[in-house]
């Protein structure tokens, strides 16, 4: 029994003597020492030291830093976006080839889209002219009452304010429609150039 206890004691002492001491640096640059590397520090670069503090073994870093993970995530997102854009381009190319037979058909579709925008603009400009007439009338009435020294009726002031607001809103809507027309022209011009490239690449 005593021999068995002595054997266990020797094994424990030997295990303690053989136990490694680790040295590592955390993400904040602080140096740590310990018999065991905490789980939250798992994967950091570390060295194993002997009882005299000499390096027995160097263990390279196996986990990524926050900056490395950020870069990897950014690269992955960039690759996925590029892949998505390639797929969208393939779909668009197929649509061009199946929708149009010639460039003149693309021009015809463009002109139809522009005709709709022209009609929208015509309606907006007619409303703007009406709002301008309303504003001019309201201002003339306000000036008349001001010159006569009389108090201007609230209705004319309200008419003026509403006309000014309507003119501002209509001006913005007209700007949007004009931009839409420019976008339509640019989009169909790009489609026509791409259609021409695709047709040229098809073996005859």
C-alpha atoms as a PDB file:
ATOM      1  CA  UNK A   1       0.000   0.000   0.000  1.00  0.00           C
ATOM      2  CA  UNK A   2       2.827   2.369   0.901  1.00  0.00           C
ATOM      3  CA  UNK A   3       4.583   1.465  -2.307  1.00  0.00           C
ATOM      4  CA  UNK A   4       1.455   2.298  -4.293  1.00  0.00           C
ATOM      5  CA  UNK A   5       1.120   5.673  -2.562  1.00  0.00           C
ATOM      6  CA  UNK A   6       4.773   6.426  -3.241  1.00  0.00           C
ATOM      7  CA  UNK A   7       4.297   5.499  -6.904  1.00  0.00           C
ATOM      8  CA  UNK A   8       1.372   7.906  -7.209  1.00  0.00           C
ATOM      9  CA  UNK A   9       3.444  10.639  -5.550  1.00  0.00           C
ATOM     10  CA  UNK A  10       6.310  10.108  -7.979  1.00  0.00           C
ATOM     11  CA  UNK A  11       3.919  10.206 -10.941  1.00  0.00           C
ATOM     12  CA  UNK A  12       2.369  13.451  -9.680  1.00  0.00           C
ATOM     13  CA  UNK A  13       5.755  15.074  -9.187  1.00  0.00           C
ATOM     14  CA  UNK A  14       6.886  13.932 -12.637  1.00  0.00           C
ATOM     15  CA  UNK A  15       3.700  15.258 -14.260  1.00  0.00           C
ATOM     16  CA  UNK A  16       4.187  18.586 -12.491  1.00  0.00           C
ATOM     17  CA  UNK A  17       7.778  18.759 -13.599  1.00  0.00           C
ATOM     18  CA  UNK A  18       6.797  17.992 -17.179  1.00  0.00           C
ATOM     19  CA  UNK A  19       3.893  20.463 -17.219  1.00  0.00           C
ATOM     20  CA  UNK A  20       4.501  23.240 -19.719  1.00  0.00           C
ATOM     21  CA  UNK A  21       4.356  26.937 -18.952  1.00  0.00           C
ATOM     22  CA  UNK A  22       2.939  29.041 -21.755  1.00  0.00           C
ATOM     23  CA  UNK A  23       3.640  32.626 -22.692  1.00  0.00           C
ATOM     24  CA  UNK A  24       1.327  34.532 -25.013  1.00  0.00           C
ATOM     25  CA  UNK A  25       0.270  38.050 -25.934  1.00  0.00           C
ATOM     26  CA  UNK A  26      -3.416  39.011 -26.040  1.00  0.00           C
ATOM     27  CA  UNK A  27      -5.107  41.321 -28.552  1.00  0.00           C
ATOM     28  CA  UNK A  28      -4.289  44.326 -26.387  1.00  0.00           C
ATOM     29  CA  UNK A  29      -0.580  43.511 -26.434  1.00  0.00           C
ATOM     30  CA  UNK A  30      -0.440  42.315 -22.825  1.00  0.00           C
ATOM     31  CA  UNK A  31       1.924  39.398 -22.073  1.00  0.00           C
ATOM     32  CA  UNK A  32       0.502  36.451 -20.088  1.00  0.00           C
ATOM     33  CA  UNK A  33       1.995  33.353 -18.489  1.00  0.00           C
ATOM     34  CA  UNK A  34       0.140  30.244 -17.397  1.00  0.00           C
ATOM     35  CA  UNK A  35       0.052  26.476 -17.269  1.00  0.00           C
ATOM     36  CA  UNK A  36      -3.081  26.561 -19.421  1.00  0.00           C
ATOM     37  CA  UNK A  37      -4.116  28.996 -22.134  1.00  0.00           C
ATOM     38  CA  UNK A  38      -7.680  30.205 -21.412  1.00  0.00           C
ATOM     39  CA  UNK A  39     -10.332  29.183 -23.911  1.00  0.00           C
ATOM     40  CA  UNK A  40     -10.975  32.803 -24.896  1.00  0.00           C
ATOM     41  CA  UNK A  41      -7.302  33.063 -25.917  1.00  0.00           C
ATOM     42  CA  UNK A  42      -7.340  29.792 -27.814  1.00  0.00           C
ATOM     43  CA  UNK A  43      -5.513  30.045 -31.107  1.00  0.00           C
ATOM     44  CA  UNK A  44      -3.155  32.882 -30.193  1.00  0.00           C
ATOM     45  CA  UNK A  45       0.538  32.498 -30.939  1.00  0.00           C
ATOM     46  CA  UNK A  46       2.370  31.186 -27.887  1.00  0.00           C
ATOM     47  CA  UNK A  47       5.568  29.561 -26.732  1.00  0.00           C
ATOM     48  CA  UNK A  48       6.082  26.692 -24.319  1.00  0.00           C
ATOM     49  CA  UNK A  49       8.731  27.304 -21.655  1.00  0.00           C
ATOM     50  CA  UNK A  50      10.668  24.790 -19.571  1.00  0.00           C
ATOM     51  CA  UNK A  51      11.275  25.108 -15.821  1.00  0.00           C
ATOM     52  CA  UNK A  52      14.209  27.422 -16.487  1.00  0.00           C
ATOM     53  CA  UNK A  53      12.075  29.690 -18.694  1.00  0.00           C
ATOM     54  CA  UNK A  54      13.712  28.581 -21.901  1.00  0.00           C
ATOM     55  CA  UNK A  55      11.652  28.147 -25.046  1.00  0.00           C
ATOM     56  CA  UNK A  56      10.809  24.522 -25.695  1.00  0.00           C
ATOM     57  CA  UNK A  57       8.384  24.995 -28.539  1.00  0.00           C
ATOM     58  CA  UNK A  58       6.804  27.802 -30.514  1.00  0.00           C
ATOM     59  CA  UNK A  59       3.132  27.431 -31.462  1.00  0.00           C
ATOM     60  CA  UNK A  60       2.027  29.666 -34.343  1.00  0.00           C
ATOM     61  CA  UNK A  61      -1.196  31.622 -34.280  1.00  0.00           C
ATOM     62  CA  UNK A  62      -4.178  29.680 -35.610  1.00  0.00           C
ATOM     63  CA  UNK A  63      -6.969  32.211 -35.112  1.00  0.00           C
ATOM     64  CA  UNK A  64      -7.659  35.394 -37.054  1.00  0.00           C
ATOM     65  CA  UNK A  65      -7.527  38.866 -35.610  1.00  0.00           C
ATOM     66  CA  UNK A  66     -10.549  41.156 -35.796  1.00  0.00           C
ATOM     67  CA  UNK A  67      -8.923  43.110 -38.642  1.00  0.00           C
ATOM     68  CA  UNK A  68      -8.117  39.919 -40.556  1.00  0.00           C
ATOM     69  CA  UNK A  69     -11.699  38.721 -40.150  1.00  0.00           C
ATOM     70  CA  UNK A  70     -12.949  42.096 -41.361  1.00  0.00           C
ATOM     71  CA  UNK A  71     -10.742  41.919 -44.449  1.00  0.00           C
ATOM     72  CA  UNK A  72     -11.816  38.354 -45.182  1.00  0.00           C
ATOM     73  CA  UNK A  73     -15.478  39.280 -44.809  1.00  0.00           C
ATOM     74  CA  UNK A  74     -14.989  42.291 -47.081  1.00  0.00           C
ATOM     75  CA  UNK A  75     -13.220  40.171 -49.715  1.00  0.00           C
ATOM     76  CA  UNK A  76     -15.949  37.534 -49.517  1.00  0.00           C
ATOM     77  CA  UNK A  77     -18.663  40.167 -49.910  1.00  0.00           C
ATOM     78  CA  UNK A  78     -16.793  41.664 -52.874  1.00  0.00           C
ATOM     79  CA  UNK A  79     -16.524  38.272 -54.586  1.00  0.00           C
ATOM     80  CA  UNK A  80     -20.203  37.552 -53.983  1.00  0.00           C
ATOM     81  CA  UNK A  81     -21.179  40.973 -55.366  1.00  0.00           C
ATOM     82  CA  UNK A  82     -19.027  40.402 -58.457  1.00  0.00           C
ATOM     83  CA  UNK A  83     -20.611  36.987 -58.951  1.00  0.00           C
ATOM     84  CA  UNK A  84     -24.082  38.501 -58.614  1.00  0.00           C
ATOM     85  CA  UNK A  85     -23.288  41.234 -61.141  1.00  0.00           C
ATOM     86  CA  UNK A  86     -21.978  38.625 -63.601  1.00  0.00           C
ATOM     87  CA  UNK A  87     -25.198  36.643 -63.258  1.00  0.00           C
ATOM     88  CA  UNK A  88     -27.307  39.769 -63.723  1.00  0.00           C
ATOM     89  CA  UNK A  89     -25.304  40.649 -66.839  1.00  0.00           C
ATOM     90  CA  UNK A  90     -25.847  37.139 -68.265  1.00  0.00           C
ATOM     91  CA  UNK A  91     -29.584  37.446 -67.675  1.00  0.00           C
ATOM     92  CA  UNK A  92     -29.661  40.871 -69.281  1.00  0.00           C
ATOM     93  CA  UNK A  93     -27.726  39.613 -72.288  1.00  0.00           C
ATOM     94  CA  UNK A  94     -30.187  36.732 -72.749  1.00  0.00           C
ATOM     95  CA  UNK A  95     -33.075  39.187 -72.475  1.00  0.00           C
ATOM     96  CA  UNK A  96     -31.591  41.456 -75.139  1.00  0.00           C
ATOM     97  CA  UNK A  97     -31.113  38.600 -77.577  1.00  0.00           C
ATOM     98  CA  UNK A  98     -34.558  37.133 -77.031  1.00  0.00           C
ATOM     99  CA  UNK A  99     -36.435  40.470 -76.995  1.00  0.00           C
ATOM    100  CA  UNK A 100     -34.904  42.269 -79.978  1.00  0.00           C
ATOM    101  CA  UNK A 101     -34.069  41.206 -83.481  1.00  0.00           C
ATOM    102  CA  UNK A 102     -32.383  44.433 -84.567  1.00  0.00           C
ATOM    103  CA  UNK A 103     -31.095  47.719 -83.183  1.00  0.00           C
ATOM    104  CA  UNK A 104     -34.026  49.543 -84.770  1.00  0.00           C
ATOM    105  CA  UNK A 105     -36.369  47.624 -82.457  1.00  0.00           C
ATOM    106  CA  UNK A 106     -34.389  48.915 -79.476  1.00  0.00           C
ATOM    107  CA  UNK A 107     -34.772  52.465 -80.805  1.00  0.00           C
ATOM    108  CA  UNK A 108     -38.508  51.940 -81.225  1.00  0.00           C
ATOM    109  CA  UNK A 109     -38.913  50.714 -77.644  1.00  0.00           C
ATOM    110  CA  UNK A 110     -36.865  53.668 -76.415  1.00  0.00           C
ATOM    111  CA  UNK A 111     -39.027  56.140 -78.326  1.00  0.00           C
ATOM    112  CA  UNK A 112     -42.198  54.646 -76.857  1.00  0.00           C
ATOM    113  CA  UNK A 113     -40.804  55.061 -73.347  1.00  0.00           C
ATOM    114  CA  UNK A 114     -39.798  58.640 -74.130  1.00  0.00           C
ATOM    115  CA  UNK A 115     -43.242  59.415 -75.537  1.00  0.00           C
ATOM    116  CA  UNK A 116     -44.761  58.493 -72.185  1.00  0.00           C
ATOM    117  CA  UNK A 117     -42.369  60.802 -70.366  1.00  0.00           C
ATOM    118  CA  UNK A 118     -43.093  63.609 -72.844  1.00  0.00           C
ATOM    119  CA  UNK A 119     -46.799  63.237 -72.102  1.00  0.00           C
ATOM    120  CA  UNK A 120     -46.061  63.357 -68.374  1.00  0.00           C
ATOM    121  CA  UNK A 121     -43.996  66.512 -68.842  1.00  0.00           C
ATOM    122  CA  UNK A 122     -46.699  68.156 -70.915  1.00  0.00           C
ATOM    123  CA  UNK A 123     -49.231  67.589 -68.139  1.00  0.00           C
ATOM    124  CA  UNK A 124     -46.877  68.881 -65.445  1.00  0.00           C
ATOM    125  CA  UNK A 125     -46.052  72.023 -67.424  1.00  0.00           C
ATOM    126  CA  UNK A 126     -49.748  72.718 -67.965  1.00  0.00           C
ATOM    127  CA  UNK A 127     -50.284  72.465 -64.219  1.00  0.00           C
ATOM    128  CA  UNK A 128     -47.301  74.744 -63.642  1.00  0.00           C
ATOM    129  CA  UNK A 129     -48.733  77.384 -65.975  1.00  0.00           C
ATOM    130  CA  UNK A 130     -52.026  77.235 -64.087  1.00  0.00           C
ATOM    131  CA  UNK A 131     -50.208  77.577 -60.755  1.00  0.00           C
ATOM    132  CA  UNK A 132     -48.229  80.535 -62.116  1.00  0.00           C
ATOM    133  CA  UNK A 133     -51.458  82.242 -63.213  1.00  0.00           C
ATOM    134  CA  UNK A 134     -52.924  81.570 -59.769  1.00  0.00           C
ATOM    135  CA  UNK A 135     -49.865  83.092 -58.098  1.00  0.00           C
ATOM    136  CA  UNK A 136     -49.942  86.161 -60.358  1.00  0.00           C
ATOM    137  CA  UNK A 137     -53.624  86.733 -59.586  1.00  0.00           C
ATOM    138  CA  UNK A 138     -53.089  86.318 -55.827  1.00  0.00           C
ATOM    139  CA  UNK A 139     -50.146  88.753 -55.880  1.00  0.00           C
ATOM    140  CA  UNK A 140     -52.125  91.312 -57.870  1.00  0.00           C
ATOM    141  CA  UNK A 141     -54.944  91.207 -55.328  1.00  0.00           C
ATOM    142  CA  UNK A 142     -52.502  91.459 -52.421  1.00  0.00           C
ATOM    143  CA  UNK A 143     -50.805  94.468 -54.049  1.00  0.00           C
ATOM    144  CA  UNK A 144     -54.166  96.140 -54.647  1.00  0.00           C
ATOM    145  CA  UNK A 145     -55.166  95.839 -51.004  1.00  0.00           C
ATOM    146  CA  UNK A 146     -51.687  96.898 -49.837  1.00  0.00           C
ATOM    147  CA  UNK A 147     -51.707 100.073 -51.986  1.00  0.00           C
ATOM    148  CA  UNK A 148     -55.161 101.017 -50.774  1.00  0.00           C
ATOM    149  CA  UNK A 149     -54.050 100.590 -47.175  1.00  0.00           C
ATOM    150  CA  UNK A 150     -56.632  97.909 -46.573  1.00  0.00           C
ATOM    151  CA  UNK A 151     -56.078  94.602 -44.831  1.00  0.00           C
ATOM    152  CA  UNK A 152     -55.531  91.807 -47.345  1.00  0.00           C
ATOM    153  CA  UNK A 153     -58.148  89.055 -47.057  1.00  0.00           C
ATOM    154  CA  UNK A 154     -56.724  85.821 -45.760  1.00  0.00           C
ATOM    155  CA  UNK A 155     -57.980  83.953 -48.823  1.00  0.00           C
ATOM    156  CA  UNK A 156     -55.560  85.769 -51.160  1.00  0.00           C
ATOM    157  CA  UNK A 157     -52.584  85.173 -48.855  1.00  0.00           C
ATOM    158  CA  UNK A 158     -53.491  81.498 -48.659  1.00  0.00           C
ATOM    159  CA  UNK A 159     -53.899  81.382 -52.452  1.00  0.00           C
ATOM    160  CA  UNK A 160     -50.441  82.894 -52.898  1.00  0.00           C
ATOM    161  CA  UNK A 161     -48.809  80.444 -50.457  1.00  0.00           C
ATOM    162  CA  UNK A 162     -50.503  77.432 -52.037  1.00  0.00           C
ATOM    163  CA  UNK A 163     -49.492  78.555 -55.541  1.00  0.00           C
ATOM    164  CA  UNK A 164     -45.873  79.043 -54.485  1.00  0.00           C
ATOM    165  CA  UNK A 165     -45.768  75.610 -52.866  1.00  0.00           C
ATOM    166  CA  UNK A 166     -47.368  73.989 -55.910  1.00  0.00           C
ATOM    167  CA  UNK A 167     -44.853  75.653 -58.227  1.00  0.00           C
ATOM    168  CA  UNK A 168     -41.976  74.328 -56.118  1.00  0.00           C
ATOM    169  CA  UNK A 169     -43.391  70.797 -56.090  1.00  0.00           C
ATOM    170  CA  UNK A 170     -44.146  70.833 -59.804  1.00  0.00           C
ATOM    171  CA  UNK A 171     -40.657  72.125 -60.535  1.00  0.00           C
ATOM    172  CA  UNK A 172     -39.187  69.141 -58.708  1.00  0.00           C
ATOM    173  CA  UNK A 173     -41.500  66.709 -60.522  1.00  0.00           C
ATOM    174  CA  UNK A 174     -40.483  68.199 -63.856  1.00  0.00           C
ATOM    175  CA  UNK A 175     -36.823  67.855 -62.917  1.00  0.00           C
ATOM    176  CA  UNK A 176     -37.399  64.184 -62.056  1.00  0.00           C
ATOM    177  CA  UNK A 177     -39.155  63.504 -65.352  1.00  0.00           C
ATOM    178  CA  UNK A 178     -36.380  65.210 -67.318  1.00  0.00           C
ATOM    179  CA  UNK A 179     -33.827  63.089 -65.454  1.00  0.00           C
ATOM    180  CA  UNK A 180     -35.920  60.004 -66.209  1.00  0.00           C
ATOM    181  CA  UNK A 181     -35.785  60.865 -69.912  1.00  0.00           C
ATOM    182  CA  UNK A 182     -32.009  61.245 -69.754  1.00  0.00           C
ATOM    183  CA  UNK A 183     -31.759  57.882 -67.968  1.00  0.00           C
ATOM    184  CA  UNK A 184     -33.952  56.195 -70.582  1.00  0.00           C
ATOM    185  CA  UNK A 185     -31.767  57.503 -73.407  1.00  0.00           C
ATOM    186  CA  UNK A 186     -28.578  56.376 -71.635  1.00  0.00           C
ATOM    187  CA  UNK A 187     -29.992  52.951 -70.775  1.00  0.00           C
ATOM    188  CA  UNK A 188     -31.212  52.169 -74.266  1.00  0.00           C
ATOM    189  CA  UNK A 189     -27.992  53.462 -75.818  1.00  0.00           C
ATOM    190  CA  UNK A 190     -26.032  51.092 -73.574  1.00  0.00           C
ATOM    191  CA  UNK A 191     -28.409  48.259 -74.475  1.00  0.00           C
ATOM    192  CA  UNK A 192     -27.933  48.962 -78.163  1.00  0.00           C
ATOM    193  CA  UNK A 193     -24.141  48.875 -77.845  1.00  0.00           C
ATOM    194  CA  UNK A 194     -24.290  45.631 -75.856  1.00  0.00           C
ATOM    195  CA  UNK A 195     -26.725  44.130 -78.372  1.00  0.00           C
ATOM    196  CA  UNK A 196     -24.294  44.981 -81.141  1.00  0.00           C
ATOM    197  CA  UNK A 197     -21.424  43.296 -79.242  1.00  0.00           C
ATOM    198  CA  UNK A 198     -23.472  40.175 -78.575  1.00  0.00           C
ATOM    199  CA  UNK A 199     -24.570  39.895 -82.179  1.00  0.00           C
ATOM    200  CA  UNK A 200     -20.989  40.294 -83.393  1.00  0.00           C
ATOM    201  CA  UNK A 201     -19.834  37.488 -81.081  1.00  0.00           C
ATOM    202  CA  UNK A 202     -22.346  34.990 -82.448  1.00  0.00           C
ATOM    203  CA  UNK A 203     -20.718  32.652 -85.054  1.00  0.00           C
ATOM    204  CA  UNK A 204     -22.214  33.081 -88.465  1.00  0.00           C
END
